[in-house]
Amino acid sequence: MPIPVVLRESVDRELLAYCQWRMPWSMPGKEILAHQWQGEEIILQRQHPKPNSPDEWVGISIAKFRYQESRGDWSLDWCDKDQAWHQFDVLIGAGTITRLVVALERDPTGVFWGKSPSLG
């Protein structure tokens, strides 16, 4: 059964707002963050123009949100350098897109945005 239209539209709005907040689209030709539906999953990608072909954009997968119809919630996966997906086991069955976006942004393990340098 497909994701209900109302839920899909709500998720689209939330992820669009997050992408624009995280990487504002105010600098044309630079890097952006975008989301794309693939069936019941959403892929979050960092996109930028190809160095030798600025009209062509390429993407690096950052995260995947998967809708779990049987539970009525969402899960979050991260993508390794070989483009293989792994469940973000810090939050299993987190429920809402909002909660997963917060976990993605905090990135306590560094799998989405990289590790921050130690402040100690």
N, C-alpha and C. Protein backbone atom coordinates (compact mmCIF):
# COMPACT_ATOMS: atom_id res chain seq x y z
N MET A 1 0.85 -1.18 0.00
CA MET A 1 0.00 0.00 0.00
C MET A 1 0.89 1.25 0.00
N PRO A 2 0.62 2.19 -0.87
CA PRO A 2 1.45 3.40 -0.93
C PRO A 2 1.28 4.29 0.30
N ILE A 3 2.27 5.13 0.51
CA ILE A 3 2.20 6.11 1.60
C ILE A 3 1.04 7.05 1.33
N PRO A 4 0.22 7.32 2.35
CA PRO A 4 -0.90 8.25 2.15
C PRO A 4 -0.42 9.61 1.62
N VAL A 5 -1.19 10.18 0.72
CA VAL A 5 -0.81 11.44 0.07
C VAL A 5 -0.54 12.54 1.09
N VAL A 6 -1.37 12.65 2.10
CA VAL A 6 -1.20 13.70 3.11
C VAL A 6 0.15 13.53 3.83
N LEU A 7 0.49 12.31 4.18
CA LEU A 7 1.77 12.04 4.84
C LEU A 7 2.93 12.35 3.90
N ARG A 8 2.82 11.93 2.67
CA ARG A 8 3.87 12.17 1.68
C ARG A 8 4.11 13.67 1.49
N GLU A 9 3.05 14.45 1.38
CA GLU A 9 3.17 15.89 1.21
C GLU A 9 3.80 16.55 2.43
N SER A 10 3.41 16.09 3.61
CA SER A 10 3.97 16.62 4.86
C SER A 10 5.47 16.33 4.95
N VAL A 11 5.87 15.11 4.61
CA VAL A 11 7.27 14.73 4.63
C VAL A 11 8.05 15.55 3.60
N ASP A 12 7.49 15.74 2.42
CA ASP A 12 8.14 16.57 1.39
C ASP A 12 8.42 17.98 1.91
N ARG A 13 7.42 18.59 2.54
CA ARG A 13 7.59 19.95 3.07
C ARG A 13 8.68 20.00 4.12
N GLU A 14 8.67 19.02 5.02
CA GLU A 14 9.66 19.00 6.10
C GLU A 14 11.08 18.80 5.57
N LEU A 15 11.24 17.87 4.63
CA LEU A 15 12.58 17.62 4.10
C LEU A 15 13.06 18.77 3.21
N LEU A 16 12.16 19.39 2.46
CA LEU A 16 12.54 20.55 1.66
C LEU A 16 13.04 21.68 2.56
N ALA A 17 12.33 21.93 3.65
CA ALA A 17 12.74 22.96 4.59
C ALA A 17 14.10 22.63 5.20
N TYR A 18 14.31 21.38 5.57
CA TYR A 18 15.60 20.98 6.14
C TYR A 18 16.72 21.16 5.12
N CYS A 19 16.50 20.71 3.90
CA CYS A 19 17.53 20.83 2.86
C CYS A 19 17.90 22.29 2.62
N GLN A 20 16.91 23.16 2.55
CA GLN A 20 17.18 24.57 2.30
C GLN A 20 17.85 25.23 3.50
N TRP A 21 17.53 24.78 4.70
CA TRP A 21 18.18 25.31 5.89
C TRP A 21 19.64 24.84 5.97
N ARG A 22 19.87 23.55 5.69
CA ARG A 22 21.20 22.95 5.82
C ARG A 22 22.16 23.48 4.76
N MET A 23 21.70 23.62 3.53
CA MET A 23 22.52 24.11 2.42
C MET A 23 21.65 25.04 1.58
N PRO A 24 21.63 26.32 1.93
CA PRO A 24 20.76 27.26 1.21
C PRO A 24 21.03 27.25 -0.29
N TRP A 25 19.96 27.37 -1.06
CA TRP A 25 20.06 27.34 -2.51
C TRP A 25 20.34 28.74 -3.06
N SER A 26 20.79 29.64 -2.21
CA SER A 26 20.98 31.03 -2.63
C SER A 26 22.26 31.23 -3.44
N MET A 27 23.09 30.20 -3.53
CA MET A 27 24.33 30.32 -4.30
C MET A 27 24.26 29.39 -5.50
N PRO A 28 23.69 29.85 -6.63
CA PRO A 28 23.56 28.99 -7.81
C PRO A 28 24.90 28.42 -8.26
N GLY A 29 24.87 27.17 -8.70
CA GLY A 29 26.08 26.54 -9.19
C GLY A 29 26.95 25.94 -8.11
N LYS A 30 26.53 26.04 -6.88
CA LYS A 30 27.27 25.47 -5.76
C LYS A 30 26.59 24.18 -5.32
N GLU A 31 27.01 23.68 -4.21
CA GLU A 31 26.45 22.44 -3.67
C GLU A 31 25.07 22.68 -3.05
N ILE A 32 24.16 21.71 -3.25
CA ILE A 32 22.85 21.77 -2.61
C ILE A 32 22.56 20.42 -1.95
N LEU A 33 21.58 20.42 -1.10
CA LEU A 33 21.07 19.20 -0.49
C LEU A 33 19.66 19.02 -1.01
N ALA A 34 19.35 17.83 -1.50
CA ALA A 34 18.03 17.58 -2.09
C ALA A 34 17.55 16.18 -1.71
N HIS A 35 16.23 16.01 -1.74
CA HIS A 35 15.67 14.69 -1.48
C HIS A 35 14.87 14.22 -2.69
N GLN A 36 14.83 12.90 -2.85
CA GLN A 36 14.13 12.30 -3.98
C GLN A 36 13.44 11.02 -3.52
N TRP A 37 12.18 10.87 -3.89
CA TRP A 37 11.43 9.66 -3.57
C TRP A 37 11.85 8.54 -4.51
N GLN A 38 12.01 7.35 -3.96
CA GLN A 38 12.21 6.12 -4.73
C GLN A 38 11.26 5.09 -4.12
N GLY A 39 10.06 5.04 -4.66
CA GLY A 39 9.03 4.18 -4.09
C GLY A 39 8.62 4.69 -2.71
N GLU A 40 8.79 3.85 -1.70
CA GLU A 40 8.43 4.22 -0.32
C GLU A 40 9.64 4.74 0.46
N GLU A 41 10.73 4.99 -0.24
CA GLU A 41 11.95 5.47 0.40
C GLU A 41 12.29 6.86 -0.12
N ILE A 42 13.06 7.59 0.68
CA ILE A 42 13.50 8.92 0.28
C ILE A 42 15.02 8.94 0.42
N ILE A 43 15.69 9.34 -0.65
CA ILE A 43 17.14 9.45 -0.63
C ILE A 43 17.49 10.92 -0.48
N LEU A 44 18.36 11.22 0.48
CA LEU A 44 18.87 12.57 0.68
C LEU A 44 20.26 12.62 0.06
N GLN A 45 20.48 13.56 -0.86
CA GLN A 45 21.75 13.65 -1.56
C GLN A 45 22.34 15.04 -1.49
N ARG A 46 23.65 15.07 -1.40
CA ARG A 46 24.42 16.30 -1.58
C ARG A 46 24.72 16.35 -3.07
N GLN A 47 24.29 17.41 -3.75
CA GLN A 47 24.46 17.50 -5.19
C GLN A 47 25.30 18.71 -5.56
N HIS A 48 26.09 18.54 -6.62
CA HIS A 48 26.94 19.62 -7.10
C HIS A 48 27.19 19.44 -8.60
N PRO A 49 27.56 20.53 -9.29
CA PRO A 49 27.83 20.41 -10.72
C PRO A 49 29.12 19.62 -10.95
N LYS A 50 29.17 18.90 -12.06
CA LYS A 50 30.41 18.21 -12.44
C LYS A 50 31.48 19.27 -12.71
N PRO A 51 32.71 19.03 -12.28
CA PRO A 51 33.77 20.04 -12.48
C PRO A 51 33.96 20.46 -13.95
N ASN A 52 33.94 19.53 -14.87
CA ASN A 52 34.19 19.86 -16.27
C ASN A 52 32.92 20.03 -17.10
N SER A 53 31.77 19.90 -16.44
CA SER A 53 30.49 20.01 -17.14
C SER A 53 29.46 20.62 -16.19
N PRO A 54 29.53 21.93 -15.96
CA PRO A 54 28.69 22.57 -14.93
C PRO A 54 27.19 22.46 -15.14
N ASP A 55 26.75 22.06 -16.34
CA ASP A 55 25.32 21.87 -16.56
C ASP A 55 24.83 20.51 -16.09
N GLU A 56 25.74 19.60 -15.79
CA GLU A 56 25.40 18.27 -15.29
C GLU A 56 25.68 18.22 -13.80
N TRP A 57 24.70 17.71 -13.05
CA TRP A 57 24.85 17.61 -11.60
C TRP A 57 25.03 16.15 -11.21
N VAL A 58 25.84 15.94 -10.19
CA VAL A 58 26.05 14.60 -9.63
C VAL A 58 25.68 14.63 -8.16
N GLY A 59 25.31 13.48 -7.63
CA GLY A 59 24.90 13.42 -6.24
C GLY A 59 25.66 12.39 -5.44
N ILE A 60 25.83 12.71 -4.17
CA ILE A 60 26.44 11.80 -3.21
C ILE A 60 25.36 11.49 -2.18
N SER A 61 24.99 10.23 -2.06
CA SER A 61 23.94 9.85 -1.12
C SER A 61 24.41 10.03 0.32
N ILE A 62 23.57 10.64 1.13
CA ILE A 62 23.87 10.92 2.54
C ILE A 62 23.02 10.03 3.45
N ALA A 63 21.72 9.98 3.17
CA ALA A 63 20.80 9.27 4.07
C ALA A 63 19.62 8.72 3.27
N LYS A 64 18.98 7.71 3.86
CA LYS A 64 17.76 7.15 3.27
C LYS A 64 16.73 7.00 4.39
N PHE A 65 15.55 7.54 4.14
CA PHE A 65 14.42 7.39 5.05
C PHE A 65 13.53 6.30 4.46
N ARG A 66 13.20 5.30 5.26
CA ARG A 66 12.36 4.19 4.80
C ARG A 66 11.07 4.15 5.60
N TYR A 67 9.96 4.12 4.90
CA TYR A 67 8.66 4.03 5.56
C TYR A 67 8.37 2.57 5.87
N GLN A 68 8.03 2.29 7.12
CA GLN A 68 7.70 0.94 7.57
C GLN A 68 6.18 0.86 7.72
N GLU A 69 5.52 0.45 6.65
CA GLU A 69 4.05 0.45 6.65
C GLU A 69 3.47 -0.38 7.78
N SER A 70 4.07 -1.54 8.07
CA SER A 70 3.53 -2.42 9.10
C SER A 70 3.54 -1.76 10.49
N ARG A 71 4.50 -0.85 10.71
CA ARG A 71 4.59 -0.16 12.00
C ARG A 71 4.06 1.27 11.92
N GLY A 72 3.91 1.77 10.71
CA GLY A 72 3.45 3.15 10.53
C GLY A 72 4.48 4.17 10.95
N ASP A 73 5.78 3.81 10.83
CA ASP A 73 6.82 4.78 11.19
C ASP A 73 7.95 4.74 10.15
N TRP A 74 9.00 5.46 10.45
CA TRP A 74 10.12 5.62 9.54
C TRP A 74 11.40 5.11 10.19
N SER A 75 12.35 4.71 9.34
CA SER A 75 13.69 4.38 9.83
C SER A 75 14.69 5.15 8.98
N LEU A 76 15.92 5.20 9.46
CA LEU A 76 16.97 5.99 8.83
C LEU A 76 18.17 5.12 8.54
N ASP A 77 18.70 5.23 7.33
CA ASP A 77 19.90 4.50 6.92
C ASP A 77 20.98 5.49 6.52
N TRP A 78 22.23 5.04 6.60
CA TRP A 78 23.36 5.85 6.14
C TRP A 78 24.07 5.10 5.03
N CYS A 79 24.79 5.84 4.20
CA CYS A 79 25.43 5.28 3.02
C CYS A 79 26.94 5.34 3.19
N ASP A 80 27.61 4.20 2.95
CA ASP A 80 29.07 4.19 3.07
C ASP A 80 29.73 4.60 1.75
N LYS A 81 31.04 4.63 1.73
CA LYS A 81 31.78 5.09 0.55
C LYS A 81 31.58 4.20 -0.67
N ASP A 82 31.13 2.97 -0.46
CA ASP A 82 30.86 2.05 -1.56
C ASP A 82 29.40 2.07 -2.00
N GLN A 83 28.64 3.04 -1.51
CA GLN A 83 27.23 3.20 -1.82
C GLN A 83 26.36 2.07 -1.27
N ALA A 84 26.81 1.41 -0.21
CA ALA A 84 26.02 0.39 0.48
C ALA A 84 25.28 1.06 1.64
N TRP A 85 24.05 0.64 1.87
CA TRP A 85 23.22 1.23 2.91
C TRP A 85 23.28 0.39 4.19
N HIS A 86 23.25 1.11 5.35
CA HIS A 86 23.29 0.48 6.66
C HIS A 86 22.28 1.19 7.56
N GLN A 87 21.59 0.41 8.39
CA GLN A 87 20.63 1.01 9.30
C GLN A 87 21.36 1.84 10.35
N PHE A 88 20.84 3.03 10.59
CA PHE A 88 21.38 3.90 11.64
C PHE A 88 20.84 3.38 12.95
N ASP A 89 21.61 2.51 13.59
CA ASP A 89 21.09 1.78 14.75
C ASP A 89 21.08 2.57 16.05
N VAL A 90 21.49 3.84 15.99
CA VAL A 90 21.36 4.68 17.18
C VAL A 90 19.88 4.94 17.44
N LEU A 91 19.10 5.00 16.37
CA LEU A 91 17.65 5.22 16.47
C LEU A 91 16.94 4.19 15.60
N ILE A 92 16.55 3.09 16.15
CA ILE A 92 15.82 2.09 15.40
C ILE A 92 14.33 2.35 15.59
N GLY A 93 13.60 2.42 14.46
CA GLY A 93 12.16 2.65 14.55
C GLY A 93 11.82 3.94 15.25
N ALA A 94 12.47 5.02 14.84
CA ALA A 94 12.32 6.29 15.52
C ALA A 94 10.94 6.92 15.37
N GLY A 95 10.21 6.51 14.36
CA GLY A 95 8.84 7.00 14.23
C GLY A 95 8.67 8.11 13.23
N THR A 96 8.92 9.33 13.64
CA THR A 96 8.59 10.46 12.78
C THR A 96 9.80 10.95 11.99
N ILE A 97 9.50 11.58 10.86
CA ILE A 97 10.56 12.20 10.06
C ILE A 97 11.25 13.29 10.88
N THR A 98 10.50 14.03 11.66
CA THR A 98 11.09 15.10 12.48
C THR A 98 12.17 14.55 13.40
N ARG A 99 11.88 13.48 14.08
CA ARG A 99 12.85 12.89 15.01
C ARG A 99 14.08 12.38 14.25
N LEU A 100 13.87 11.81 13.08
CA LEU A 100 15.00 11.31 12.29
C LEU A 100 15.84 12.44 11.73
N VAL A 101 15.22 13.53 11.32
CA VAL A 101 15.97 14.69 10.83
C VAL A 101 16.83 15.28 11.95
N VAL A 102 16.30 15.32 13.15
CA VAL A 102 17.08 15.81 14.30
C VAL A 102 18.30 14.90 14.52
N ALA A 103 18.09 13.58 14.45
CA ALA A 103 19.21 12.64 14.62
C ALA A 103 20.22 12.79 13.49
N LEU A 104 19.74 12.97 12.28
CA LEU A 104 20.61 13.19 11.12
C LEU A 104 21.46 14.43 11.32
N GLU A 105 20.86 15.49 11.76
CA GLU A 105 21.59 16.75 11.95
C GLU A 105 22.59 16.65 13.10
N ARG A 106 22.20 16.01 14.19
CA ARG A 106 23.13 15.85 15.33
C ARG A 106 24.27 14.91 14.99
N ASP A 107 23.98 13.87 14.22
CA ASP A 107 24.96 12.91 13.72
C ASP A 107 26.00 12.51 14.79
N PRO A 108 25.55 11.87 15.87
CA PRO A 108 26.48 11.55 16.96
C PRO A 108 27.61 10.58 16.59
N THR A 109 27.45 9.83 15.52
CA THR A 109 28.48 8.87 15.12
C THR A 109 29.33 9.36 13.96
N GLY A 110 28.94 10.45 13.32
CA GLY A 110 29.71 10.99 12.20
C GLY A 110 29.47 10.30 10.87
N VAL A 111 28.47 9.43 10.78
CA VAL A 111 28.25 8.69 9.53
C VAL A 111 27.58 9.52 8.43
N PHE A 112 26.93 10.60 8.78
CA PHE A 112 26.24 11.41 7.78
C PHE A 112 27.10 12.59 7.32
N TRP A 113 27.60 13.37 8.28
CA TRP A 113 28.30 14.61 7.96
C TRP A 113 29.78 14.56 8.30
N GLY A 114 30.27 13.45 8.84
CA GLY A 114 31.67 13.35 9.25
C GLY A 114 31.83 13.71 10.70
N LYS A 115 32.92 13.30 11.26
CA LYS A 115 33.17 13.58 12.68
C LYS A 115 33.68 15.01 12.86
N SER A 116 33.20 15.63 13.91
CA SER A 116 33.68 16.97 14.26
C SER A 116 34.99 16.83 15.02
N PRO A 117 35.87 17.81 14.84
CA PRO A 117 37.13 17.75 15.59
C PRO A 117 36.85 17.83 17.10
N SER A 118 37.67 17.15 17.87
CA SER A 118 37.52 17.14 19.32
C SER A 118 37.76 18.53 19.88
N LEU A 119 36.93 18.90 20.83
CA LEU A 119 37.10 20.21 21.48
C LEU A 119 37.98 20.11 22.72
N GLY A 120 38.41 18.89 23.05
CA GLY A 120 39.19 18.70 24.26
C GLY A 120 40.61 18.90 23.98
